[in-house]
C-alpha atoms as a PDB file:
ATOM      1  CA  MET A   1     152.912 371.564 -48.197  1.00  0.00           C
ATOM      2  CA  LYS A   2     149.642 370.595 -45.895  1.00  0.00           C
ATOM      3  CA  ILE A   3     146.187 371.530 -46.883  1.00  0.00           C
ATOM      4  CA  ILE A   4     143.872 371.796 -43.518  1.00  0.00           C
ATOM      5  CA  ILE A   5     141.121 369.822 -44.026  1.00  0.00           C
ATOM      6  CA  THR A   6     140.298 368.219 -41.003  1.00  0.00           C
ATOM      7  CA  ALA A   7     137.390 370.492 -40.250  1.00  0.00           C
ATOM      8  CA  LEU A   8     135.080 369.057 -43.323  1.00  0.00           C
ATOM      9  CA  LEU A   9     134.853 366.165 -40.990  1.00  0.00           C
ATOM     10  CA  PHE A  10     131.236 365.763 -40.597  1.00  0.00           C
ATOM     11  CA  ALA A  11     128.749 363.011 -38.690  1.00  0.00           C
ATOM     12  CA  PRO A  12     127.626 360.883 -42.214  1.00  0.00           C
ATOM     13  CA  LEU A  13     123.352 362.218 -42.494  1.00  0.00           C
ATOM     14  CA  PHE A  14     122.147 357.835 -43.175  1.00  0.00           C
ATOM     15  CA  SER A  15     123.005 355.091 -41.025  1.00  0.00           C
ATOM     16  CA  LEU A  16     124.706 352.294 -43.019  1.00  0.00           C
ATOM     17  CA  ALA A  17     121.449 350.335 -43.653  1.00  0.00           C
ATOM     18  CA  GLN A  18     119.896 353.300 -44.784  1.00  0.00           C
ATOM     19  CA  GLU A  19     122.671 353.946 -47.220  1.00  0.00           C
ATOM     20  CA  PHE A  20     122.497 350.445 -48.735  1.00  0.00           C
ATOM     21  CA  LYS A  21     118.454 350.828 -49.118  1.00  0.00           C
ATOM     22  CA  THR A  22     119.147 353.949 -51.202  1.00  0.00           C
ATOM     23  CA  TYR A  23     121.468 352.152 -53.629  1.00  0.00           C
ATOM     24  CA  ASN A  24     118.717 348.925 -54.221  1.00  0.00           C
ATOM     25  CA  ASN A  25     117.969 350.340 -57.691  1.00  0.00           C
ATOM     26  CA  TYR A  26     121.921 350.538 -58.536  1.00  0.00           C
ATOM     27  CA  ASP A  27     123.048 348.644 -61.654  1.00  0.00           C
ATOM     28  CA  PHE A  28     126.798 350.014 -61.905  1.00  0.00           C
ATOM     29  CA  ILE A  29     129.121 346.921 -62.103  1.00  0.00           C
ATOM     30  CA  PRO A  30     132.760 347.915 -62.568  1.00  0.00           C
ATOM     31  CA  GLY A  31     134.812 346.437 -64.791  1.00  0.00           C
ATOM     32  CA  ASP A  32     136.449 342.670 -63.712  1.00  0.00           C
ATOM     33  CA  LYS A  33     140.039 343.648 -64.896  1.00  0.00           C
ATOM     34  CA  ILE A  34     141.703 346.683 -62.486  1.00  0.00           C
ATOM     35  CA  LEU A  35     144.477 348.873 -64.738  1.00  0.00           C
ATOM     36  CA  PHE A  36     144.907 351.533 -62.375  1.00  0.00           C
ATOM     37  CA  GLU A  37     143.692 352.317 -58.711  1.00  0.00           C
ATOM     38  CA  ASP A  38     144.878 354.747 -56.103  1.00  0.00           C
ATOM     39  CA  ASP A  39     144.223 355.350 -52.556  1.00  0.00           C
ATOM     40  CA  PHE A  40     147.021 357.582 -52.231  1.00  0.00           C
ATOM     41  CA  ARG A  41     147.677 355.521 -49.073  1.00  0.00           C
ATOM     42  CA  THR A  42     151.470 354.769 -50.161  1.00  0.00           C
ATOM     43  CA  ASP A  43     152.064 358.376 -50.448  1.00  0.00           C
ATOM     44  CA  GLN A  44     153.429 360.909 -47.834  1.00  0.00           C
ATOM     45  CA  ASP A  45     150.803 363.693 -46.155  1.00  0.00           C
ATOM     46  CA  GLY A  46     151.603 366.666 -47.862  1.00  0.00           C
ATOM     47  CA  GLU A  47     153.347 365.340 -50.913  1.00  0.00           C
ATOM     48  CA  PHE A  48     152.394 365.353 -54.798  1.00  0.00           C
ATOM     49  CA  PRO A  49     151.255 361.549 -55.001  1.00  0.00           C
ATOM     50  CA  ALA A  50     154.167 359.151 -56.515  1.00  0.00           C
ATOM     51  CA  HIS A  51     151.754 357.212 -59.019  1.00  0.00           C
ATOM     52  CA  TRP A  52     150.399 360.688 -61.040  1.00  0.00           C
ATOM     53  CA  ASN A  53     151.707 362.708 -63.171  1.00  0.00           C
ATOM     54  CA  LEU A  54     152.053 366.117 -63.021  1.00  0.00           C
ATOM     55  CA  GLU A  55     150.343 368.169 -66.204  1.00  0.00           C
ATOM     56  CA  GLY A  56     149.523 371.811 -64.739  1.00  0.00           C
ATOM     57  CA  GLY A  57     148.582 373.513 -61.583  1.00  0.00           C
ATOM     58  CA  GLN A  58     149.343 371.950 -58.173  1.00  0.00           C
ATOM     59  CA  ALA A  59     148.216 369.142 -55.675  1.00  0.00           C
ATOM     60  CA  VAL A  60     148.693 367.611 -52.341  1.00  0.00           C
ATOM     61  CA  VAL A  61     148.074 364.446 -50.700  1.00  0.00           C
ATOM     62  CA  ASN A  62     146.466 364.883 -47.089  1.00  0.00           C
ATOM     63  CA  LYS A  63     145.595 362.422 -44.341  1.00  0.00           C
ATOM     64  CA  MET A  64     141.618 363.305 -43.935  1.00  0.00           C
ATOM     65  CA  GLY A  65     139.933 361.505 -41.030  1.00  0.00           C
ATOM     66  CA  ASP A  66     140.882 357.616 -41.741  1.00  0.00           C
ATOM     67  CA  ASP A  67     141.377 357.933 -45.371  1.00  0.00           C
ATOM     68  CA  MET A  68     144.550 359.793 -47.996  1.00  0.00           C
ATOM     69  CA  VAL A  69     142.834 362.175 -50.203  1.00  0.00           C
ATOM     70  CA  PHE A  70     144.238 364.085 -53.197  1.00  0.00           C
ATOM     71  CA  ALA A  71     143.841 367.838 -52.924  1.00  0.00           C
ATOM     72  CA  ILE A  72     143.794 370.096 -56.148  1.00  0.00           C
ATOM     73  CA  THR A  73     145.067 373.224 -54.717  1.00  0.00           C
ATOM     74  CA  LYS A  74     145.216 375.602 -57.911  1.00  0.00           C
ATOM     75  CA  TYR A  75     143.399 376.666 -60.998  1.00  0.00           C
ATOM     76  CA  TYR A  76     143.908 375.168 -64.118  1.00  0.00           C
ATOM     77  CA  SER A  77     145.399 371.944 -62.684  1.00  0.00           C
ATOM     78  CA  SER A  78     145.528 368.738 -64.275  1.00  0.00           C
ATOM     79  CA  TYR A  79     146.913 365.437 -64.042  1.00  0.00           C
ATOM     80  CA  SER A  80     147.098 361.708 -65.357  1.00  0.00           C
ATOM     81  CA  PRO A  81     148.080 358.526 -63.819  1.00  0.00           C
ATOM     82  CA  ASN A  82     151.517 357.084 -64.527  1.00  0.00           C
ATOM     83  CA  ILE A  83     150.534 353.826 -66.429  1.00  0.00           C
ATOM     84  CA  LYS A  84     153.364 352.601 -68.280  1.00  0.00           C
ATOM     85  CA  ASN A  85     151.055 351.806 -71.276  1.00  0.00           C
ATOM     86  CA  LYS A  86     150.414 355.196 -72.905  1.00  0.00           C
ATOM     87  CA  THR A  87     147.107 353.600 -74.931  1.00  0.00           C
ATOM     88  CA  TYR A  88     146.096 351.839 -72.112  1.00  0.00           C
ATOM     89  CA  LEU A  89     142.127 352.253 -72.703  1.00  0.00           C
ATOM     90  CA  PRO A  90     140.132 349.414 -73.942  1.00  0.00           C
ATOM     91  CA  THR A  91     136.737 349.560 -75.503  1.00  0.00           C
ATOM     92  CA  GLN A  92     134.658 348.945 -72.753  1.00  0.00           C
ATOM     93  CA  TYR A  93     135.591 350.660 -69.285  1.00  0.00           C
ATOM     94  CA  THR A  94     134.810 352.111 -65.908  1.00  0.00           C
ATOM     95  CA  ILE A  95     136.398 354.706 -64.031  1.00  0.00           C
ATOM     96  CA  GLU A  96     135.311 355.248 -60.131  1.00  0.00           C
ATOM     97  CA  PHE A  97     136.368 357.787 -57.822  1.00  0.00           C
ATOM     98  CA  ASP A  98     135.023 359.784 -54.389  1.00  0.00           C
ATOM     99  CA  THR A  99     134.804 363.494 -54.904  1.00  0.00           C
ATOM    100  CA  TRP A 100     134.439 366.332 -52.338  1.00  0.00           C
ATOM    101  CA  LEU A 101     133.552 369.872 -52.923  1.00  0.00           C
ATOM    102  CA  ASP A 102     133.308 372.220 -50.407  1.00  0.00           C
ATOM    103  CA  ALA A 103     130.495 374.665 -50.116  1.00  0.00           C
ATOM    104  CA  ALA A 104     132.237 377.868 -51.031  1.00  0.00           C
ATOM    105  CA  TYR A 105     131.994 376.702 -54.713  1.00  0.00           C
ATOM    106  CA  ASP A 106     128.397 378.131 -54.972  1.00  0.00           C
ATOM    107  CA  SER A 107     128.672 378.053 -58.913  1.00  0.00           C
ATOM    108  CA  ASN A 108     131.856 376.535 -59.972  1.00  0.00           C
ATOM    109  CA  GLU A 109     132.535 373.085 -61.242  1.00  0.00           C
ATOM    110  CA  GLY A 110     134.041 370.673 -59.559  1.00  0.00           C
ATOM    111  CA  ILE A 111     136.492 367.938 -60.643  1.00  0.00           C
ATOM    112  CA  PHE A 112     136.984 366.937 -64.236  1.00  0.00           C
ATOM    113  CA  LEU A 113     137.541 363.666 -66.312  1.00  0.00           C
ATOM    114  CA  GLU A 114     139.412 364.234 -69.645  1.00  0.00           C
ATOM    115  CA  PHE A 115     139.087 361.410 -72.746  1.00  0.00           C
ATOM    116  CA  ARG A 116     142.357 361.717 -74.766  1.00  0.00           C
ATOM    117  CA  LYS A 117     143.969 360.404 -77.586  1.00  0.00           C
ATOM    118  CA  GLY A 118     147.782 360.973 -76.531  1.00  0.00           C
ATOM    119  CA  LYS A 119     148.156 364.824 -75.865  1.00  0.00           C
ATOM    120  CA  GLU A 120     144.510 365.207 -77.656  1.00  0.00           C
ATOM    121  CA  LYS A 121     141.757 365.848 -75.703  1.00  0.00           C
ATOM    122  CA  LEU A 122     138.685 364.718 -77.409  1.00  0.00           C
ATOM    123  CA  GLY A 123     136.274 365.266 -74.603  1.00  0.00           C
ATOM    124  CA  GLY A 124     135.345 365.569 -71.168  1.00  0.00           C
ATOM    125  CA  ILE A 125     133.031 364.841 -67.709  1.00  0.00           C
ATOM    126  CA  TYR A 126     132.575 367.861 -65.821  1.00  0.00           C
ATOM    127  CA  THR A 127     130.867 367.586 -62.356  1.00  0.00           C
ATOM    128  CA  SER A 128     129.542 370.334 -60.164  1.00  0.00           C
ATOM    129  CA  HIS A 129     127.186 370.865 -57.373  1.00  0.00           C
ATOM    130  CA  SER A 130     123.766 370.464 -59.428  1.00  0.00           C
ATOM    131  CA  PHE A 131     124.402 369.050 -63.079  1.00  0.00           C
ATOM    132  CA  PHE A 132     127.170 366.942 -64.521  1.00  0.00           C
ATOM    133  CA  ARG A 133     128.180 367.465 -68.084  1.00  0.00           C
ATOM    134  CA  CYS A 134     129.438 365.944 -71.056  1.00  0.00           C
ATOM    135  CA  GLU A 135     131.401 367.290 -74.002  1.00  0.00           C
ATOM    136  CA  PHE A 136     132.675 365.439 -77.402  1.00  0.00           C
ATOM    137  CA  GLY A 137     133.608 367.441 -80.461  1.00  0.00           C
ATOM    138  CA  ASP A 138     131.127 369.554 -81.426  1.00  0.00           C
ATOM    139  CA  GLY A 139     128.617 367.774 -78.789  1.00  0.00           C
ATOM    140  CA  LYS A 140     127.382 368.605 -75.148  1.00  0.00           C
ATOM    141  CA  LEU A 141     125.101 367.020 -73.386  1.00  0.00           C
ATOM    142  CA  GLN A 142     123.861 367.688 -69.463  1.00  0.00           C
ATOM    143  CA  GLY A 143     122.270 365.675 -66.988  1.00  0.00           C
ATOM    144  CA  ASP A 144     120.609 367.368 -63.854  1.00  0.00           C
ATOM    145  CA  LEU A 145     121.400 366.172 -60.237  1.00  0.00           C
ATOM    146  CA  PRO A 146     118.625 364.379 -58.403  1.00  0.00           C
ATOM    147  CA  ALA A 147     117.475 366.936 -55.595  1.00  0.00           C
ATOM    148  CA  ALA A 148     118.220 364.633 -52.960  1.00  0.00           C
ATOM    149  CA  ILE A 149     121.969 365.333 -53.770  1.00  0.00           C
ATOM    150  CA  ALA A 150     121.906 368.711 -55.367  1.00  0.00           C
ATOM    151  CA  ASN A 151     123.032 372.083 -54.532  1.00  0.00           C
ATOM    152  CA  ASP A 152     123.514 373.001 -50.814  1.00  0.00           C
ATOM    153  CA  THR A 153     122.871 368.847 -50.319  1.00  0.00           C
ATOM    154  CA  TYR A 154     125.867 368.017 -52.475  1.00  0.00           C
ATOM    155  CA  HIS A 155     128.609 370.020 -50.912  1.00  0.00           C
ATOM    156  CA  ASN A 156     130.727 369.175 -47.873  1.00  0.00           C
ATOM    157  CA  LYS A 157     130.037 365.286 -48.154  1.00  0.00           C
ATOM    158  CA  TRP A 158     131.818 362.733 -50.209  1.00  0.00           C
ATOM    159  CA  HIS A 159     129.860 361.100 -53.356  1.00  0.00           C
ATOM    160  CA  HIS A 160     130.741 358.230 -55.318  1.00  0.00           C
ATOM    161  CA  ILE A 161     131.070 358.976 -59.293  1.00  0.00           C
ATOM    162  CA  ALA A 162     130.794 355.922 -61.967  1.00  0.00           C
ATOM    163  CA  ILE A 163     131.535 356.053 -65.243  1.00  0.00           C
ATOM    164  CA  ALA A 164     130.612 353.125 -67.750  1.00  0.00           C
ATOM    165  CA  VAL A 165     132.287 353.174 -70.995  1.00  0.00           C
ATOM    166  CA  LYS A 166     131.480 350.821 -73.972  1.00  0.00           C
ATOM    167  CA  ASP A 167     132.400 351.804 -77.289  1.00  0.00           C
ATOM    168  CA  ALA A 168     130.826 355.269 -77.984  1.00  0.00           C
ATOM    169  CA  GLN A 169     128.106 355.019 -75.209  1.00  0.00           C
ATOM    170  CA  VAL A 170     128.614 356.698 -72.066  1.00  0.00           C
ATOM    171  CA  LYS A 171     127.309 356.605 -68.792  1.00  0.00           C
ATOM    172  CA  VAL A 172     127.488 358.527 -65.501  1.00  0.00           C
ATOM    173  CA  TYR A 173     126.466 357.845 -62.022  1.00  0.00           C
ATOM    174  CA  CYS A 174     126.550 360.141 -58.692  1.00  0.00           C
ATOM    175  CA  ASP A 175     126.169 358.203 -55.626  1.00  0.00           C
ATOM    176  CA  GLN A 176     122.690 356.052 -56.509  1.00  0.00           C
ATOM    177  CA  TYR A 177     121.807 357.899 -59.311  1.00  0.00           C
ATOM    178  CA  ARG A 178     122.415 357.450 -63.305  1.00  0.00           C
ATOM    179  CA  VAL A 179     122.637 361.237 -63.812  1.00  0.00           C
ATOM    180  CA  LEU A 180     123.668 361.037 -67.757  1.00  0.00           C
ATOM    181  CA  VAL A 181     123.800 359.094 -70.461  1.00  0.00           C
ATOM    182  CA  VAL A 182     125.694 359.737 -73.905  1.00  0.00           C
ATOM    183  CA  PRO A 183     124.447 357.450 -76.430  1.00  0.00           C
ATOM    184  CA  ASN A 184     127.017 358.034 -78.836  1.00  0.00           C
ATOM    185  CA  CYS A 185     130.250 360.421 -77.988  1.00  0.00           C
ATOM    186  CA  ASN A 186     131.660 359.944 -81.259  1.00  0.00           C
ATOM    187  CA  PHE A 187     135.144 359.163 -80.111  1.00  0.00           C
ATOM    188  CA  LYS A 188     137.790 356.409 -79.126  1.00  0.00           C
ATOM    189  CA  ALA A 189     140.289 357.919 -76.568  1.00  0.00           C
ATOM    190  CA  THR A 190     143.583 355.788 -75.539  1.00  0.00           C
ATOM    191  CA  ASN A 191     144.154 357.789 -72.091  1.00  0.00           C
ATOM    192  CA  ILE A 192     142.571 359.888 -69.512  1.00  0.00           C
ATOM    193  CA  GLY A 193     143.456 362.735 -67.410  1.00  0.00           C
ATOM    194  CA  ILE A 194     141.594 364.442 -64.456  1.00  0.00           C
ATOM    195  CA  GLY A 195     141.435 367.970 -62.961  1.00  0.00           C
ATOM    196  CA  GLY A 196     139.771 371.147 -61.245  1.00  0.00           C
ATOM    197  CA  ASN A 197     139.978 374.561 -61.026  1.00  0.00           C
ATOM    198  CA  ALA A 198     140.544 374.950 -57.111  1.00  0.00           C
ATOM    199  CA  SER A 199     140.864 378.321 -55.138  1.00  0.00           C
ATOM    200  CA  GLU A 200     143.193 379.186 -52.026  1.00  0.00           C
ATOM    201  CA  GLY A 201     141.260 377.905 -48.814  1.00  0.00           C
ATOM    202  CA  MET A 202     138.975 375.673 -50.874  1.00  0.00           C
ATOM    203  CA  ALA A 203     138.785 371.864 -50.849  1.00  0.00           C
ATOM    204  CA  MET A 204     138.437 370.316 -54.205  1.00  0.00           C
ATOM    205  CA  LEU A 205     139.162 366.737 -53.371  1.00  0.00           C
ATOM    206  CA  PHE A 206     139.324 363.140 -54.820  1.00  0.00           C
ATOM    207  CA  LYS A 207     140.032 359.650 -53.313  1.00  0.00           C
ATOM    208  CA  ASN A 208     139.626 355.717 -54.229  1.00  0.00           C
ATOM    209  CA  PHE A 209     140.504 356.456 -57.756  1.00  0.00           C
ATOM    210  CA  ARG A 210     140.112 353.098 -59.880  1.00  0.00           C
ATOM    211  CA  LEU A 211     139.827 352.718 -63.462  1.00  0.00           C
ATOM    212  CA  SER A 212     139.068 348.814 -64.655  1.00  0.00           C
ATOM    213  CA  ALA A 213     138.738 346.844 -67.968  1.00  0.00           C
ATOM    214  CA  GLY A 214     134.877 345.550 -68.749  1.00  0.00           C
ATOM    215  CA  GLY A 215     131.781 346.482 -67.202  1.00  0.00           C
ATOM    216  CA  GLY A 216     128.741 344.169 -66.383  1.00  0.00           C
ATOM    217  CA  MET A 217     128.149 340.471 -66.165  1.00  0.00           C
ATOM    218  CA  ASN A 218     128.021 338.424 -69.273  1.00  0.00           C
ATOM    219  CA  MET A 219     126.638 335.914 -67.384  1.00  0.00           C
ATOM    220  CA  LEU A 220     123.278 337.808 -66.316  1.00  0.00           C
ATOM    221  CA  GLY A 221     119.982 336.453 -68.384  1.00  0.00           C
ATOM    222  CA  LYS A 222     121.304 333.005 -69.379  1.00  0.00           C
ATOM    223  CA  LYS A 223     122.105 330.255 -67.330  1.00  0.00           C
ATOM    224  CA  PHE A 224     125.254 329.910 -65.545  1.00  0.00           C
ATOM    225  CA  THR A 225     127.888 327.577 -66.558  1.00  0.00           C
ATOM    226  CA  ASP A 226     131.140 328.990 -65.382  1.00  0.00           C
ATOM    227  CA  THR A 227     133.099 327.413 -62.329  1.00  0.00           C
ATOM    228  CA  LYS A 228     133.285 330.774 -60.501  1.00  0.00           C
ATOM    229  CA  ILE A 229     132.628 334.583 -60.723  1.00  0.00           C
ATOM    230  CA  ILE A 230     135.573 337.089 -59.863  1.00  0.00           C
ATOM    231  CA  THR A 231     134.103 340.283 -58.642  1.00  0.00           C
ATOM    232  CA  HIS A 232     136.224 343.502 -57.744  1.00  0.00           C
ATOM    233  CA  GLY A 233     133.072 345.414 -57.526  1.00  0.00           C
ATOM    234  CA  ILE A 234     132.275 344.420 -53.964  1.00  0.00           C
ATOM    235  CA  ASN A 235     134.520 347.187 -51.733  1.00  0.00           C
ATOM    236  CA  PHE A 236     134.831 347.362 -47.568  1.00  0.00           C
ATOM    237  CA  ASP A 237     135.711 350.290 -45.431  1.00  0.00           C
ATOM    238  CA  TYR A 238     139.987 350.069 -45.201  1.00  0.00           C
ATOM    239  CA  ASN A 239     141.400 347.392 -42.938  1.00  0.00           C
ATOM    240  CA  LYS A 240     137.593 346.476 -42.116  1.00  0.00           C
ATOM    241  CA  ALA A 241     134.629 344.168 -43.189  1.00  0.00           C
ATOM    242  CA  THR A 242     132.326 347.050 -43.685  1.00  0.00           C
ATOM    243  CA  ILE A 243     130.673 346.569 -47.340  1.00  0.00           C
ATOM    244  CA  LYS A 244     130.406 350.183 -48.943  1.00  0.00           C
ATOM    245  CA  PRO A 245     126.883 350.758 -50.198  1.00  0.00           C
ATOM    246  CA  GLU A 246     128.254 351.323 -53.882  1.00  0.00           C
ATOM    247  CA  SER A 247     128.897 347.942 -53.863  1.00  0.00           C
ATOM    248  CA  MET A 248     124.997 347.141 -54.320  1.00  0.00           C
ATOM    249  CA  GLY A 249     125.686 347.019 -58.329  1.00  0.00           C
ATOM    250  CA  THR A 250     127.951 343.815 -58.351  1.00  0.00           C
ATOM    251  CA  LEU A 251     125.504 342.227 -55.230  1.00  0.00           C
ATOM    252  CA  ASN A 252     122.142 343.130 -57.195  1.00  0.00           C
ATOM    253  CA  GLY A 253     124.008 341.271 -60.381  1.00  0.00           C
ATOM    254  CA  ILE A 254     124.995 337.844 -58.414  1.00  0.00           C
ATOM    255  CA  VAL A 255     121.090 337.978 -56.671  1.00  0.00           C
ATOM    256  CA  GLN A 256     119.965 338.086 -60.104  1.00  0.00           C
ATOM    257  CA  VAL A 257     122.474 335.504 -60.623  1.00  0.00           C
ATOM    258  CA  LEU A 258     121.234 333.073 -58.209  1.00  0.00           C
ATOM    259  CA  LYS A 259     117.581 333.753 -58.529  1.00  0.00           C
ATOM    260  CA  GLU A 260     117.562 332.765 -62.427  1.00  0.00           C
ATOM    261  CA  ASN A 261     119.476 329.858 -61.108  1.00  0.00           C
ATOM    262  CA  PRO A 262     117.466 328.566 -58.063  1.00  0.00           C
ATOM    263  CA  ASP A 263     119.650 325.326 -58.090  1.00  0.00           C
ATOM    264  CA  LEU A 264     122.590 327.008 -57.710  1.00  0.00           C
ATOM    265  CA  LYS A 265     125.202 327.184 -54.448  1.00  0.00           C
ATOM    266  CA  PHE A 266     128.209 329.428 -54.012  1.00  0.00           C
ATOM    267  CA  GLU A 267     131.292 329.385 -51.989  1.00  0.00           C
ATOM    268  CA  VAL A 268     132.099 333.316 -51.066  1.00  0.00           C
ATOM    269  CA  GLY A 269     135.475 333.696 -50.803  1.00  0.00           C
ATOM    270  CA  GLY A 270     137.632 336.521 -49.418  1.00  0.00           C
ATOM    271  CA  HIS A 271     140.724 337.472 -50.854  1.00  0.00           C
ATOM    272  CA  THR A 272     143.561 339.711 -50.077  1.00  0.00           C
ATOM    273  CA  ASP A 273     146.296 341.376 -51.246  1.00  0.00           C
ATOM    274  CA  GLY A 274     150.205 340.337 -49.922  1.00  0.00           C
ATOM    275  CA  ASP A 275     150.567 343.701 -47.477  1.00  0.00           C
ATOM    276  CA  GLY A 276     150.551 343.002 -44.132  1.00  0.00           C
ATOM    277  CA  ASP A 277     150.428 340.103 -41.519  1.00  0.00           C
ATOM    278  CA  ASP A 278     149.451 336.700 -43.237  1.00  0.00           C
ATOM    279  CA  ALA A 279     147.413 335.566 -40.124  1.00  0.00           C
ATOM    280  CA  TYR A 280     146.020 339.366 -40.343  1.00  0.00           C
ATOM    281  CA  ASN A 281     144.963 338.917 -43.439  1.00  0.00           C
ATOM    282  CA  LEU A 282     143.331 335.322 -43.308  1.00  0.00           C
ATOM    283  CA  LYS A 283     140.975 336.555 -40.396  1.00  0.00           C
ATOM    284  CA  LEU A 284     140.035 339.984 -42.416  1.00  0.00           C
ATOM    285  CA  SER A 285     139.365 337.831 -45.774  1.00  0.00           C
ATOM    286  CA  GLN A 286     136.968 335.336 -43.600  1.00  0.00           C
ATOM    287  CA  GLN A 287     135.312 338.448 -41.869  1.00  0.00           C
ATOM    288  CA  ARG A 288     134.687 340.127 -45.352  1.00  0.00           C
ATOM    289  CA  ALA A 289     133.228 336.963 -46.656  1.00  0.00           C
ATOM    290  CA  ASP A 290     130.909 336.793 -43.781  1.00  0.00           C
ATOM    291  CA  ALA A 291     129.941 340.442 -44.521  1.00  0.00           C
ATOM    292  CA  VAL A 292     128.957 339.886 -47.956  1.00  0.00           C
ATOM    293  CA  LYS A 293     126.787 336.353 -47.184  1.00  0.00           C
ATOM    294  CA  GLU A 294     125.055 338.206 -44.410  1.00  0.00           C
ATOM    295  CA  GLN A 295     123.971 340.899 -47.089  1.00  0.00           C
ATOM    296  CA  LEU A 296     123.159 338.643 -49.751  1.00  0.00           C
ATOM    297  CA  VAL A 297     120.695 336.987 -46.950  1.00  0.00           C
ATOM    298  CA  LYS A 298     119.563 340.500 -46.339  1.00  0.00           C
ATOM    299  CA  MET A 299     118.484 340.380 -49.652  1.00  0.00           C
ATOM    300  CA  GLY A 300     116.546 337.323 -50.040  1.00  0.00           C
ATOM    301  CA  ILE A 301     119.139 334.557 -51.091  1.00  0.00           C
ATOM    302  CA  ALA A 302     118.434 331.451 -48.553  1.00  0.00           C
ATOM    303  CA  ALA A 303     121.602 331.307 -45.984  1.00  0.00           C
ATOM    304  CA  SER A 304     121.773 327.447 -46.909  1.00  0.00           C
ATOM    305  CA  ARG A 305     122.933 328.283 -50.939  1.00  0.00           C
ATOM    306  CA  LEU A 306     125.929 329.877 -49.582  1.00  0.00           C
ATOM    307  CA  THR A 307     128.693 329.161 -47.355  1.00  0.00           C
ATOM    308  CA  THR A 308     132.097 331.410 -46.790  1.00  0.00           C
ATOM    309  CA  LYS A 309     135.914 330.984 -46.839  1.00  0.00           C
ATOM    310  CA  GLY A 310     138.517 333.841 -46.179  1.00  0.00           C
ATOM    311  CA  TYR A 311     141.836 332.784 -47.935  1.00  0.00           C
ATOM    312  CA  GLY A 312     143.948 335.684 -47.439  1.00  0.00           C
ATOM    313  CA  GLU A 313     146.642 336.406 -49.264  1.00  0.00           C
ATOM    314  CA  THR A 314     147.230 332.704 -50.146  1.00  0.00           C
ATOM    315  CA  LYS A 315     145.521 332.349 -53.666  1.00  0.00           C
ATOM    316  CA  PRO A 316     146.799 335.474 -55.862  1.00  0.00           C
ATOM    317  CA  ILE A 317     145.991 335.917 -59.350  1.00  0.00           C
ATOM    318  CA  SER A 318     148.409 338.591 -59.808  1.00  0.00           C
ATOM    319  CA  ASP A 319     151.679 339.707 -58.565  1.00  0.00           C
ATOM    320  CA  ASN A 320     151.610 341.429 -54.944  1.00  0.00           C
ATOM    321  CA  THR A 321     154.169 344.159 -56.521  1.00  0.00           C
ATOM    322  CA  THR A 322     152.426 346.771 -58.244  1.00  0.00           C
ATOM    323  CA  ILE A 323     149.362 348.785 -57.306  1.00  0.00           C
ATOM    324  CA  GLU A 324     147.108 347.384 -60.462  1.00  0.00           C
ATOM    325  CA  GLY A 325     148.552 343.941 -59.246  1.00  0.00           C
ATOM    326  CA  LYS A 326     147.082 344.133 -55.734  1.00  0.00           C
ATOM    327  CA  ALA A 327     144.335 345.539 -56.144  1.00  0.00           C
ATOM    328  CA  ASN A 328     143.377 342.902 -58.598  1.00  0.00           C
ATOM    329  CA  ASN A 329     144.329 340.495 -55.514  1.00  0.00           C
ATOM    330  CA  ARG A 330     142.015 341.759 -53.155  1.00  0.00           C
ATOM    331  CA  ARG A 331     138.678 340.341 -54.266  1.00  0.00           C
ATOM    332  CA  VAL A 332     135.448 338.605 -53.589  1.00  0.00           C
ATOM    333  CA  GLU A 333     134.935 335.440 -55.690  1.00  0.00           C
ATOM    334  CA  PHE A 334     131.891 333.561 -55.728  1.00  0.00           C
ATOM    335  CA  THR A 335     132.639 329.476 -56.456  1.00  0.00           C
ATOM    336  CA  LYS A 336     130.157 327.078 -58.071  1.00  0.00           C
ATOM    337  CA  MET A 337     129.652 324.497 -55.181  1.00  0.00           C
END
């Protein structure tokens, strides 16, 4: 099955520099250990994705521009990541994905995320073009989207959703905005699901799904004494050295560390997974390390405090045989000099 979605491709509304500026105050920092990640690039166009379980409805992976996307195609559709350990959520974790909603959904909700204990639903986060809502037990909290991204401006473009859970607290971001905070959701989930109610011929999509343990940087606000910082929050366009704007949360954290420790100098190290040609990975990792240094300099850090080195696939920290292992190997490290 193939859903025709190429007509949804539009020219970007902002330049990359403008997008980075809008993320200046972004404070979301993803967890430092990736538990599950899927960009659907290993899936066949027109088929159900290999790393997900179908629980209801239907879905299909399609190519959209340079990306592979998960298209929800039926009402009452739900899915779960195929993770071997069925109780995989720690007390602190982050979830990220990009979502697209067709303009025809003028009142319907978009994609939802469920928090579960086994098969029991404990709560959920529901997206729409005007507000995000969190339901938990007998409670329900809602946060309106800012006017800049709400209603008509929400449709027919990608939005980055980021969710941070720490004990009973939940924070939800859409693009550069924190749109919802739940101080106490009063549940402890062990696993998650995702889904939506899609109509025929209308696009309800997501891509670049990531679940990570942890969140935030525990070295902020104190003297930095660690040897290195390993980050998975600085992300790039596929096979490119173009930094994605949602990386600004992690970059802002690194800038704060450097400003609070004026004598500190870092080597910025780029690392890839083991897929592809060794020489290509080495070159790409160097280009990405250089791009990170360039962005940090733009954010006010002296170039003399930063060096760069691309390591390619030569220093893995996990295996290169699983999707989560490869995801953990794709990283940017800041090593104290």
